[in-house]
N, C-alpha and C. Protein backbone atom coordinates (compact mmCIF):
# COMPACT_ATOMS: atom_id res chain seq x y z
N MET A 1 -8.09 13.79 -13.25
CA MET A 1 -9.32 14.10 -13.16
C MET A 1 -9.85 12.86 -12.31
N PHE A 2 -9.89 12.26 -12.13
CA PHE A 2 -10.27 10.17 -10.80
C PHE A 2 -10.01 11.09 -10.12
N ALA A 3 -8.80 11.61 -9.71
CA ALA A 3 -7.81 11.57 -8.05
C ALA A 3 -8.92 12.79 -7.88
N GLU A 4 -9.41 13.57 -8.42
CA GLU A 4 -10.04 15.08 -7.43
C GLU A 4 -11.07 14.42 -7.94
N LEU A 5 -11.98 14.31 -9.28
CA LEU A 5 -13.32 14.14 -9.13
C LEU A 5 -14.42 12.98 -8.63
N GLY A 6 -12.86 12.17 -8.49
CA GLY A 6 -13.87 10.46 -8.52
C GLY A 6 -14.71 9.31 -10.21
N PHE A 7 -14.54 8.68 -10.31
CA PHE A 7 -15.14 8.01 -11.16
C PHE A 7 -16.33 8.49 -11.68
N GLU A 8 -17.09 8.50 -11.08
CA GLU A 8 -18.19 9.54 -11.39
C GLU A 8 -18.83 10.96 -12.65
N ARG A 9 -17.70 11.81 -11.24
CA ARG A 9 -18.06 13.02 -12.01
C ARG A 9 -16.90 13.12 -12.93
N ALA A 10 -15.72 12.08 -13.09
CA ALA A 10 -14.74 13.13 -14.59
C ALA A 10 -15.76 12.14 -15.21
N SER A 11 -15.55 13.18 -16.20
CA SER A 11 -16.07 13.32 -17.24
C SER A 11 -14.89 12.16 -18.32
N VAL A 12 -15.93 11.61 -19.69
CA VAL A 12 -14.42 11.35 -20.51
C VAL A 12 -14.64 12.56 -21.04
N ASP A 13 -15.49 13.96 -21.42
CA ASP A 13 -14.97 15.23 -21.82
C ASP A 13 -14.16 15.77 -21.24
N LEU A 14 -14.27 15.87 -19.98
CA LEU A 14 -13.22 16.26 -18.97
C LEU A 14 -12.04 15.42 -19.00
N ILE A 15 -11.50 14.62 -18.61
CA ILE A 15 -10.44 14.03 -19.40
C ILE A 15 -9.66 14.30 -20.15
N ALA A 16 -10.11 13.88 -21.37
CA ALA A 16 -9.85 14.55 -23.05
C ALA A 16 -9.24 16.25 -22.67
N SER A 17 -10.43 17.01 -22.04
CA SER A 17 -9.91 17.97 -22.12
C SER A 17 -8.81 18.55 -21.72
N ARG A 18 -8.72 18.04 -20.23
CA ARG A 18 -7.41 18.36 -19.75
C ARG A 18 -5.98 17.36 -19.49
N ALA A 19 -6.20 16.49 -20.70
CA ALA A 19 -5.28 16.32 -21.62
C ALA A 19 -4.81 16.96 -22.13
N GLY A 20 -5.60 17.10 -23.26
CA GLY A 20 -5.30 17.81 -24.55
C GLY A 20 -5.46 17.34 -25.63
N VAL A 21 -6.06 16.41 -25.34
CA VAL A 21 -6.24 15.33 -26.32
C VAL A 21 -7.91 15.48 -26.55
N SER A 22 -8.57 14.43 -27.99
CA SER A 22 -9.80 14.67 -27.61
C SER A 22 -10.30 13.68 -27.88
N LYS A 23 -12.06 13.38 -27.40
CA LYS A 23 -12.11 11.84 -26.31
C LYS A 23 -12.27 10.85 -27.72
N ALA A 24 -12.46 10.88 -28.39
CA ALA A 24 -11.85 10.56 -29.98
C ALA A 24 -10.67 9.59 -29.99
N THR A 25 -9.77 10.03 -29.25
CA THR A 25 -8.11 9.96 -28.83
C THR A 25 -8.38 9.13 -27.77
N ILE A 26 -9.24 9.30 -27.05
CA ILE A 26 -8.83 8.25 -24.96
C ILE A 26 -9.90 6.94 -25.76
N TYR A 27 -11.30 6.72 -26.61
CA TYR A 27 -11.66 5.87 -27.05
C TYR A 27 -11.02 4.86 -27.76
N SER A 28 -9.17 5.90 -28.39
CA SER A 28 -9.45 4.77 -29.48
C SER A 28 -7.75 4.01 -29.02
N HIS A 29 -8.06 4.27 -27.65
CA HIS A 29 -7.47 3.35 -26.65
C HIS A 29 -7.74 2.95 -25.78
N TYR A 30 -8.70 3.34 -25.25
CA TYR A 30 -9.30 2.53 -24.53
C TYR A 30 -10.94 2.05 -24.39
N GLN A 31 -11.36 0.91 -24.25
CA GLN A 31 -12.88 0.39 -24.82
C GLN A 31 -14.01 1.52 -24.06
N ASN A 32 -13.83 2.11 -22.87
CA ASN A 32 -14.32 2.48 -21.94
C ASN A 32 -14.10 3.62 -20.81
N LYS A 33 -15.08 4.23 -20.48
CA LYS A 33 -14.35 4.85 -18.93
C LYS A 33 -13.77 4.10 -17.92
N ALA A 34 -13.87 2.80 -17.55
CA ALA A 34 -14.41 1.52 -16.77
C ALA A 34 -12.33 1.48 -16.88
N ALA A 35 -12.10 1.21 -18.07
CA ALA A 35 -11.23 0.54 -19.27
C ALA A 35 -9.23 1.69 -18.58
N LEU A 36 -9.72 2.98 -18.62
CA LEU A 36 -9.17 3.97 -18.47
C LEU A 36 -9.53 4.35 -16.95
N PHE A 37 -9.79 4.93 -16.27
CA PHE A 37 -9.94 4.13 -14.36
C PHE A 37 -9.35 2.85 -14.03
N VAL A 38 -9.37 2.22 -14.27
CA VAL A 38 -8.03 0.38 -14.30
C VAL A 38 -7.54 1.28 -14.46
N ASP A 39 -6.69 1.06 -15.60
CA ASP A 39 -5.57 1.79 -16.40
C ASP A 39 -4.43 2.79 -15.50
N CYS A 40 -5.55 3.90 -14.74
CA CYS A 40 -5.16 5.10 -14.34
C CYS A 40 -4.15 4.44 -12.70
N ILE A 41 -5.78 4.04 -12.66
CA ILE A 41 -5.31 2.84 -11.16
C ILE A 41 -4.26 1.97 -10.92
N THR A 42 -3.53 0.99 -12.42
CA THR A 42 -2.77 0.00 -12.16
C THR A 42 -1.21 0.90 -12.12
N HIS A 43 -1.33 1.78 -13.12
CA HIS A 43 -0.30 2.48 -12.63
C HIS A 43 0.33 3.46 -11.51
N GLU A 44 -0.95 3.90 -10.82
CA GLU A 44 -0.27 4.81 -9.58
C GLU A 44 -0.26 3.45 -9.23
N ALA A 45 -0.71 2.19 -9.16
CA ALA A 45 -0.77 1.04 -7.89
C ALA A 45 1.49 0.80 -8.28
N GLU A 46 1.49 0.06 -9.47
CA GLU A 46 2.56 0.36 -10.25
C GLU A 46 3.43 1.26 -9.41
N GLU A 47 3.57 2.63 -9.76
CA GLU A 47 5.34 3.86 -9.00
C GLU A 47 4.87 3.72 -7.40
N MET A 48 3.32 2.65 -7.19
CA MET A 48 4.02 3.11 -5.56
C MET A 48 4.46 2.26 -4.63
N ARG A 49 4.01 0.50 -5.44
CA ARG A 49 4.61 -0.32 -5.86
C ARG A 49 6.42 -0.28 -5.73
N ALA A 50 6.67 0.43 -6.82
CA ALA A 50 8.09 0.20 -7.36
C ALA A 50 9.14 1.67 -5.95
N ALA A 51 8.66 2.15 -5.44
CA ALA A 51 8.98 2.92 -4.44
C ALA A 51 9.25 2.13 -2.65
N PHE A 52 8.30 1.40 -2.60
CA PHE A 52 8.11 0.38 -1.99
C PHE A 52 8.80 -0.37 -2.26
N CYS A 53 9.50 -1.71 -3.16
CA CYS A 53 10.71 -2.27 -3.26
C CYS A 53 11.52 -1.53 -3.18
N ALA A 54 11.92 -0.41 -3.62
CA ALA A 54 13.73 0.40 -4.17
C ALA A 54 13.64 0.53 -2.42
N CYS A 55 12.97 0.79 -1.45
CA CYS A 55 13.45 1.16 0.01
C CYS A 55 13.52 -0.57 0.88
N MET A 56 12.89 -0.97 0.49
CA MET A 56 13.61 -2.82 1.15
C MET A 56 14.23 -3.42 0.79
N ALA A 57 15.60 -2.84 1.82
CA ALA A 57 16.85 -3.92 1.34
C ALA A 57 16.53 -5.24 2.41
N GLU A 58 17.93 -5.30 1.50
CA GLU A 58 18.80 -7.10 1.91
C GLU A 58 17.72 -7.09 3.81
N PRO A 59 17.55 -7.49 4.54
CA PRO A 59 17.75 -7.54 6.31
C PRO A 59 19.40 -8.09 6.11
N ALA A 60 20.05 -6.82 6.83
CA ALA A 60 21.10 -6.48 7.79
C ALA A 60 21.06 -6.82 8.74
N GLY A 61 22.10 -6.73 10.16
CA GLY A 61 22.09 -6.53 11.24
C GLY A 61 20.87 -6.86 12.38
N ASP A 62 20.97 -6.22 13.19
CA ASP A 62 19.85 -6.57 13.87
C ASP A 62 18.42 -7.03 14.11
N VAL A 63 17.22 -7.92 14.18
CA VAL A 63 15.58 -8.19 13.30
C VAL A 63 14.81 -6.46 13.55
N GLU A 64 15.45 -6.08 15.21
CA GLU A 64 14.78 -5.01 15.39
C GLU A 64 14.64 -3.97 14.87
N PRO A 65 15.16 -3.18 14.83
CA PRO A 65 15.63 -2.35 13.68
C PRO A 65 15.46 -2.03 12.76
N THR A 66 16.02 -3.11 11.78
CA THR A 66 14.92 -3.33 10.18
C THR A 66 13.49 -3.71 10.12
N LEU A 67 12.84 -4.09 10.97
CA LEU A 67 11.96 -3.92 11.54
C LEU A 67 10.63 -2.95 11.46
N ARG A 68 11.59 -2.11 11.85
CA ARG A 68 11.35 -1.29 12.35
C ARG A 68 11.52 0.16 11.57
N LEU A 69 12.42 -0.45 10.28
CA LEU A 69 12.80 0.72 9.44
C LEU A 69 11.55 0.52 8.44
N MET A 70 11.36 -0.74 8.11
CA MET A 70 10.69 -1.99 7.22
C MET A 70 9.38 -0.90 7.67
N GLY A 71 8.43 -0.76 9.14
CA GLY A 71 7.54 -0.66 8.84
C GLY A 71 7.26 1.12 9.00
N GLU A 72 8.08 1.48 9.28
CA GLU A 72 7.44 2.86 9.27
C GLU A 72 8.12 2.77 7.38
N ASN A 73 8.71 2.23 6.65
CA ASN A 73 8.57 3.17 5.10
C ASN A 73 7.19 2.99 5.02
N ILE A 74 6.54 1.03 5.56
CA ILE A 74 5.08 0.43 4.77
C ILE A 74 4.02 1.74 4.81
N LEU A 75 4.24 2.13 6.76
CA LEU A 75 3.46 3.19 6.46
C LEU A 75 3.84 4.29 7.01
N ARG A 76 4.73 5.22 6.40
CA ARG A 76 4.64 6.03 5.36
C ARG A 76 3.59 5.89 4.58
N LEU A 77 3.70 5.48 3.20
CA LEU A 77 3.48 4.76 2.31
C LEU A 77 2.42 4.71 2.05
N PHE A 78 1.77 3.83 3.01
CA PHE A 78 -0.04 3.83 3.78
C PHE A 78 -0.78 5.02 4.12
N LEU A 79 -0.30 6.03 4.03
CA LEU A 79 -0.20 7.32 5.09
C LEU A 79 -0.33 8.15 3.80
N SER A 80 0.98 7.95 2.84
CA SER A 80 0.58 9.55 2.23
C SER A 80 -0.67 9.30 0.88
N LYS A 81 -0.11 10.95 0.75
CA LYS A 81 -1.80 11.73 0.28
C LYS A 81 -2.22 10.33 -1.10
N SER A 82 -1.33 10.16 -1.52
CA SER A 82 -1.59 9.68 -2.89
C SER A 82 -2.19 7.88 -2.41
N MET A 83 -1.70 7.27 -1.82
CA MET A 83 -1.86 5.68 -1.31
C MET A 83 -3.87 6.12 -0.67
N VAL A 84 -3.75 6.99 0.10
CA VAL A 84 -4.85 7.67 1.25
C VAL A 84 -6.45 7.83 -0.02
N CYS A 85 -6.12 8.68 -1.15
CA CYS A 85 -7.00 8.59 -2.18
C CYS A 85 -7.10 8.15 -3.54
N LEU A 86 -5.82 6.96 -3.72
CA LEU A 86 -6.24 5.49 -4.41
C LEU A 86 -7.43 4.72 -3.70
N TYR A 87 -7.56 4.29 -2.70
CA TYR A 87 -7.69 3.19 -1.33
C TYR A 87 -8.93 3.68 -1.15
N ARG A 88 -9.41 5.68 -1.17
CA ARG A 88 -10.52 5.71 -1.97
C ARG A 88 -11.22 5.86 -2.92
N HIS A 89 -10.96 5.83 -3.51
CA HIS A 89 -10.96 5.96 -5.05
C HIS A 89 -11.32 4.47 -4.97
N ILE A 90 -10.51 3.65 -5.24
CA ILE A 90 -11.05 1.90 -5.13
C ILE A 90 -12.43 1.46 -4.54
N LEU A 91 -12.39 1.77 -3.43
CA LEU A 91 -13.01 1.23 -2.10
C LEU A 91 -14.34 2.33 -3.06
N ALA A 92 -15.11 4.19 -3.86
CA ALA A 92 -15.63 4.32 -3.95
C ALA A 92 -16.64 3.01 -5.29
N GLU A 93 -15.81 2.66 -5.82
CA GLU A 93 -15.98 1.74 -7.50
C GLU A 93 -15.57 0.61 -7.78
N ALA A 94 -15.70 0.13 -6.31
CA ALA A 94 -15.35 -1.44 -6.47
C ALA A 94 -16.71 -2.29 -6.83
N ALA A 95 -17.50 -2.09 -6.46
CA ALA A 95 -18.90 -2.57 -7.41
C ALA A 95 -19.13 -2.41 -8.73
N ARG A 96 -18.74 -0.98 -9.16
CA ARG A 96 -18.69 -1.23 -10.42
C ARG A 96 -18.19 -1.12 -11.60
N VAL A 97 -16.27 -1.64 -10.99
CA VAL A 97 -15.79 -1.99 -11.53
C VAL A 97 -14.51 -3.17 -10.66
N PRO A 98 -15.53 -4.53 -10.67
CA PRO A 98 -15.01 -5.34 -9.70
C PRO A 98 -13.78 -5.68 -9.92
N ASP A 99 -13.01 -6.02 -10.72
CA ASP A 99 -11.87 -6.81 -10.83
C ASP A 99 -11.10 -5.45 -10.48
N VAL A 100 -10.96 -4.12 -10.63
CA VAL A 100 -10.17 -3.20 -9.75
C VAL A 100 -9.08 -3.34 -7.92
N GLY A 101 -10.44 -4.65 -7.70
CA GLY A 101 -9.95 -4.04 -6.38
C GLY A 101 -8.77 -5.58 -5.47
N GLN A 102 -9.76 -6.66 -6.87
CA GLN A 102 -8.01 -7.50 -6.96
C GLN A 102 -7.05 -7.71 -7.59
N MET A 103 -6.83 -6.61 -8.64
CA MET A 103 -5.87 -5.98 -9.05
C MET A 103 -4.90 -5.60 -7.96
N ILE A 104 -5.72 -4.30 -7.56
CA ILE A 104 -4.79 -4.26 -6.18
C ILE A 104 -4.37 -4.63 -5.53
N PHE A 105 -4.82 -5.31 -4.85
CA PHE A 105 -4.68 -6.14 -3.96
C PHE A 105 -3.51 -6.94 -4.74
N ASP A 106 -3.24 -7.65 -5.78
CA ASP A 106 -2.53 -8.35 -6.11
C ASP A 106 -0.72 -8.02 -5.99
N ARG A 107 -1.27 -6.72 -6.88
CA ARG A 107 0.03 -6.04 -7.18
C ARG A 107 0.36 -4.95 -6.08
N GLY A 108 -0.07 -4.94 -4.95
CA GLY A 108 -0.36 -3.96 -3.90
C GLY A 108 0.36 -4.30 -2.63
N LEU A 109 -1.00 -4.31 -2.00
CA LEU A 109 -0.56 -5.86 -0.28
C LEU A 109 -0.35 -6.59 -0.63
N ARG A 110 -0.50 -7.58 -1.32
CA ARG A 110 0.15 -8.84 -1.55
C ARG A 110 2.10 -8.89 -1.52
N VAL A 111 2.20 -7.72 -2.93
CA VAL A 111 3.67 -7.84 -2.58
C VAL A 111 4.29 -7.61 -1.45
N ILE A 112 3.54 -6.57 -0.69
CA ILE A 112 3.94 -6.29 0.03
C ILE A 112 4.11 -7.12 1.60
N HIS A 113 3.24 -7.85 1.49
CA HIS A 113 3.61 -9.27 2.02
C HIS A 113 4.62 -10.16 1.76
N GLU A 114 4.16 -10.33 0.74
CA GLU A 114 5.41 -11.03 0.21
C GLU A 114 6.66 -10.73 0.00
N THR A 115 6.96 -9.65 -0.49
CA THR A 115 8.53 -9.21 -0.08
C THR A 115 9.27 -9.00 1.74
N ILE A 116 8.13 -8.41 3.06
CA ILE A 116 8.08 -9.13 4.07
C ILE A 116 8.49 -10.31 4.69
N ALA A 117 7.42 -11.28 3.83
CA ALA A 117 7.55 -12.81 3.87
C ALA A 117 8.83 -13.28 3.52
N SER A 118 9.87 -12.56 2.87
CA SER A 118 10.97 -13.43 2.22
C SER A 118 11.87 -12.80 2.93
N HIS A 119 11.84 -11.39 3.90
CA HIS A 119 12.29 -11.59 5.24
C HIS A 119 12.66 -11.70 6.40
N LEU A 120 10.98 -12.56 6.81
CA LEU A 120 11.05 -13.34 7.97
C LEU A 120 12.00 -14.57 7.64
N GLU A 121 11.37 -14.83 6.47
CA GLU A 121 12.02 -16.68 6.07
C GLU A 121 13.69 -16.69 5.78
N ARG A 122 13.97 -16.02 6.07
CA ARG A 122 15.46 -15.21 6.14
C ARG A 122 16.28 -15.37 7.61
N TRP A 123 14.92 -14.48 8.48
CA TRP A 123 15.59 -13.79 9.78
C TRP A 123 14.87 -15.97 10.30
N ASN A 124 14.17 -16.23 9.94
CA ASN A 124 13.45 -17.63 10.36
C ASN A 124 15.15 -18.98 10.01
N ARG A 125 15.03 -18.82 9.47
CA ARG A 125 16.68 -19.29 8.24
C ARG A 125 17.95 -18.83 9.51
N ILE A 126 17.70 -18.79 9.92
CA ILE A 126 19.32 -17.99 10.81
C ILE A 126 19.11 -18.22 12.15
N GLY A 127 17.50 -18.50 12.61
CA GLY A 127 17.18 -18.64 13.94
C GLY A 127 17.06 -17.19 15.03
N ALA A 128 17.18 -16.02 13.58
CA ALA A 128 16.80 -14.38 14.92
C ALA A 128 15.90 -14.33 15.25
N LEU A 129 14.38 -14.87 14.43
CA LEU A 129 12.91 -15.16 14.61
C LEU A 129 12.58 -16.80 14.19
N ARG A 130 11.55 -17.23 15.04
CA ARG A 130 10.50 -18.39 15.33
C ARG A 130 9.48 -18.36 14.63
N ILE A 131 9.04 -18.63 13.03
CA ILE A 131 8.08 -18.19 12.67
C ILE A 131 7.86 -19.61 11.79
N ASP A 132 6.52 -20.19 11.56
CA ASP A 132 5.93 -21.15 11.01
C ASP A 132 5.57 -20.88 10.24
N ASP A 133 4.77 -19.61 9.70
CA ASP A 133 4.06 -19.65 8.71
C ASP A 133 5.13 -18.01 7.80
N ALA A 134 5.41 -17.63 7.67
CA ALA A 134 6.31 -16.80 7.32
C ALA A 134 5.51 -15.38 6.03
N ARG A 135 4.32 -15.50 5.65
CA ARG A 135 3.34 -15.50 4.89
C ARG A 135 2.02 -15.07 5.81
N ALA A 136 1.66 -15.43 6.91
CA ALA A 136 0.98 -15.30 7.69
C ALA A 136 1.54 -14.07 8.82
N ALA A 137 3.00 -14.41 9.05
CA ALA A 137 3.46 -13.46 10.02
C ALA A 137 3.57 -11.82 9.31
N ALA A 138 3.58 -11.94 8.07
CA ALA A 138 3.72 -10.58 7.54
C ALA A 138 2.96 -9.80 7.01
N VAL A 139 1.10 -10.22 7.63
CA VAL A 139 0.48 -10.48 7.34
C VAL A 139 -0.26 -9.28 9.05
N GLN A 140 0.49 -10.12 10.22
CA GLN A 140 0.50 -9.53 10.62
C GLN A 140 0.87 -8.27 10.94
N PHE A 141 2.87 -8.96 10.85
CA PHE A 141 3.43 -7.05 10.87
C PHE A 141 2.66 -6.14 10.39
N VAL A 142 1.96 -6.01 9.39
CA VAL A 142 1.96 -5.22 8.59
C VAL A 142 0.91 -4.07 9.69
N ALA A 143 -0.46 -5.63 9.55
CA ALA A 143 -1.21 -4.75 10.12
C ALA A 143 -1.27 -3.93 11.07
N LEU A 144 -0.58 -4.80 12.79
CA LEU A 144 -0.09 -4.46 13.94
C LEU A 144 0.75 -2.74 13.35
N CYS A 145 1.72 -2.29 12.67
CA CYS A 145 2.40 -1.59 12.07
C CYS A 145 1.14 -0.11 11.55
N GLN A 146 0.15 -0.56 11.11
CA GLN A 146 -0.61 0.06 10.68
C GLN A 146 -1.79 0.94 11.93
N ALA A 147 -1.53 -0.27 12.61
CA ALA A 147 -2.74 0.09 14.14
C ALA A 147 -4.02 1.18 13.56
N ASP A 148 -4.41 2.14 14.01
CA ASP A 148 -5.23 2.87 13.84
C ASP A 148 -4.68 3.81 13.30
N LEU A 149 -3.65 4.34 12.89
CA LEU A 149 -3.46 5.45 12.12
C LEU A 149 -3.83 5.96 10.37
N VAL A 150 -4.10 4.91 9.98
CA VAL A 150 -4.41 3.79 7.71
C VAL A 150 -5.96 3.72 8.05
N ALA A 151 -6.90 3.60 8.65
CA ALA A 151 -7.99 3.91 8.97
C ALA A 151 -8.17 5.65 9.73
N ARG A 152 -7.76 6.22 10.34
CA ARG A 152 -8.39 7.46 10.36
C ARG A 152 -7.07 8.37 9.12
N ALA A 153 -6.51 7.93 7.94
CA ALA A 153 -6.03 8.45 7.39
C ALA A 153 -7.61 8.16 6.04
N ARG A 154 -7.16 7.21 5.90
CA ARG A 154 -8.68 6.88 5.18
C ARG A 154 -9.87 7.66 5.68
N LEU A 155 -10.38 8.20 7.53
CA LEU A 155 -11.43 8.26 7.26
C LEU A 155 -11.54 10.17 7.65
N ALA A 156 -10.16 10.58 7.16
CA ALA A 156 -9.92 12.59 6.79
C ALA A 156 -9.89 12.66 8.29
N ILE A 157 -10.00 11.63 9.37
CA ILE A 157 -9.64 12.58 10.51
C ILE A 157 -8.10 12.60 11.06
N LEU A 158 -7.18 11.76 10.23
CA LEU A 158 -5.81 11.80 11.24
C LEU A 158 -4.58 12.91 11.13
N LYS A 159 -4.65 13.79 11.33
CA LYS A 159 -3.44 15.41 11.78
C LYS A 159 -2.32 15.21 11.71
N ASP A 160 -2.05 15.80 11.13
CA ASP A 160 -0.53 16.07 10.62
C ASP A 160 0.30 17.01 11.57
N PRO A 161 1.29 17.14 11.20
CA PRO A 161 2.43 16.06 11.37
C PRO A 161 2.27 14.81 12.38
N LEU A 162 2.92 13.72 11.14
CA LEU A 162 2.82 12.45 12.09
C LEU A 162 4.26 12.15 12.28
N ASP A 163 5.63 13.09 12.48
CA ASP A 163 7.24 12.80 12.71
C ASP A 163 6.71 11.76 14.18
N GLU A 164 5.91 12.12 14.96
CA GLU A 164 6.45 11.16 16.55
C GLU A 164 6.02 10.10 15.98
N GLU A 165 4.42 10.24 15.46
CA GLU A 165 3.26 9.08 15.56
C GLU A 165 3.89 8.13 14.71
N VAL A 166 4.29 8.20 13.25
CA VAL A 166 4.75 6.85 13.19
C VAL A 166 5.39 6.13 13.58
N PRO A 167 6.61 6.72 13.70
CA PRO A 167 7.98 5.85 14.87
C PRO A 167 7.25 5.23 15.93
N GLU A 168 7.07 6.02 16.86
CA GLU A 168 6.19 5.36 18.06
C GLU A 168 4.95 3.81 17.76
N THR A 169 4.36 4.37 16.91
CA THR A 169 3.19 2.96 16.49
C THR A 169 4.27 2.41 16.32
N VAL A 170 4.79 1.98 14.88
CA VAL A 170 5.20 0.97 14.61
C VAL A 170 6.77 0.71 16.09
N ARG A 171 7.50 1.14 16.72
CA ARG A 171 7.98 1.07 17.58
C ARG A 171 7.44 -0.44 18.22
N ARG A 172 6.14 0.48 18.90
CA ARG A 172 4.75 -0.52 19.60
C ARG A 172 4.95 -2.52 18.85
N ALA A 173 4.69 -2.14 17.72
CA ALA A 173 4.55 -2.68 16.34
C ALA A 173 5.93 -4.44 16.37
N VAL A 174 6.82 -3.60 16.27
CA VAL A 174 8.32 -4.15 16.32
C VAL A 174 7.85 -5.27 17.42
N TRP A 175 7.66 -4.00 19.01
CA TRP A 175 7.84 -4.74 19.86
C TRP A 175 6.91 -6.24 20.31
N THR A 176 6.12 -5.78 20.11
CA THR A 176 4.18 -7.22 20.15
C THR A 176 4.67 -8.03 19.23
N PHE A 177 5.23 -7.80 17.79
CA PHE A 177 5.51 -8.74 16.63
C PHE A 177 7.42 -9.51 17.45
N MET A 178 8.30 -9.06 17.87
CA MET A 178 8.96 -9.79 18.85
C MET A 178 8.47 -10.70 19.81
N ARG A 179 7.62 -10.18 20.63
CA ARG A 179 7.23 -10.71 21.70
C ARG A 179 6.61 -12.36 21.06
N ALA A 180 5.75 -12.60 19.66
CA ALA A 180 5.30 -13.56 19.26
C ALA A 180 6.65 -14.51 18.89
N TYR A 181 7.39 -13.58 18.03
CA TYR A 181 8.05 -14.48 17.39
C TYR A 181 9.70 -14.52 17.66
N ARG A 182 9.79 -13.80 18.74
CA ARG A 182 11.14 -13.83 19.06
C ARG A 182 11.73 -15.36 19.99
N PRO A 183 13.11 -15.83 19.05
CA PRO A 183 13.14 -17.27 19.61
C PRO A 183 13.69 -17.37 20.96
N GLU A 184 13.11 -18.37 21.23
CA GLU A 184 13.04 -18.98 22.95
C GLU A 184 14.27 -19.08 23.63
């Protein structure tokens, strides 16, 4: 219901009806609608995080092809309908439920940055990359991979299909990243 109607329009009565339970049952589990919203958002974010972590294998082989694969996985996650919808709802409700933004950042984007940073640190140790601050480099990599595609998706102006646009955007991101961090 939150995904369909947003926080404000999704009443507890509608949620209870859709779930096939009473309003009292919902309130026996959640203090208020905001707590239910946070739990729903948390559950969705955890599923997305698990999917992301599952596709992030140990880095093997050449850096550039592995970075392209990582970048495409990240971008496809960020462009998924569920992620775009989640982001829109969080933005709409962040002022009303202030903790949800920090929670989603900590359990989502921060995990992505840390996962990439650990890969970058390994490549740095073996001399495949030259990185002083792996976390900062991970943030830059994610930002490069997003280009303008994620903003366009969130604004509902990105046209499907993206079969060619995602790999090309990530290819350019990896090229730029490698220019900055390739060993001399």
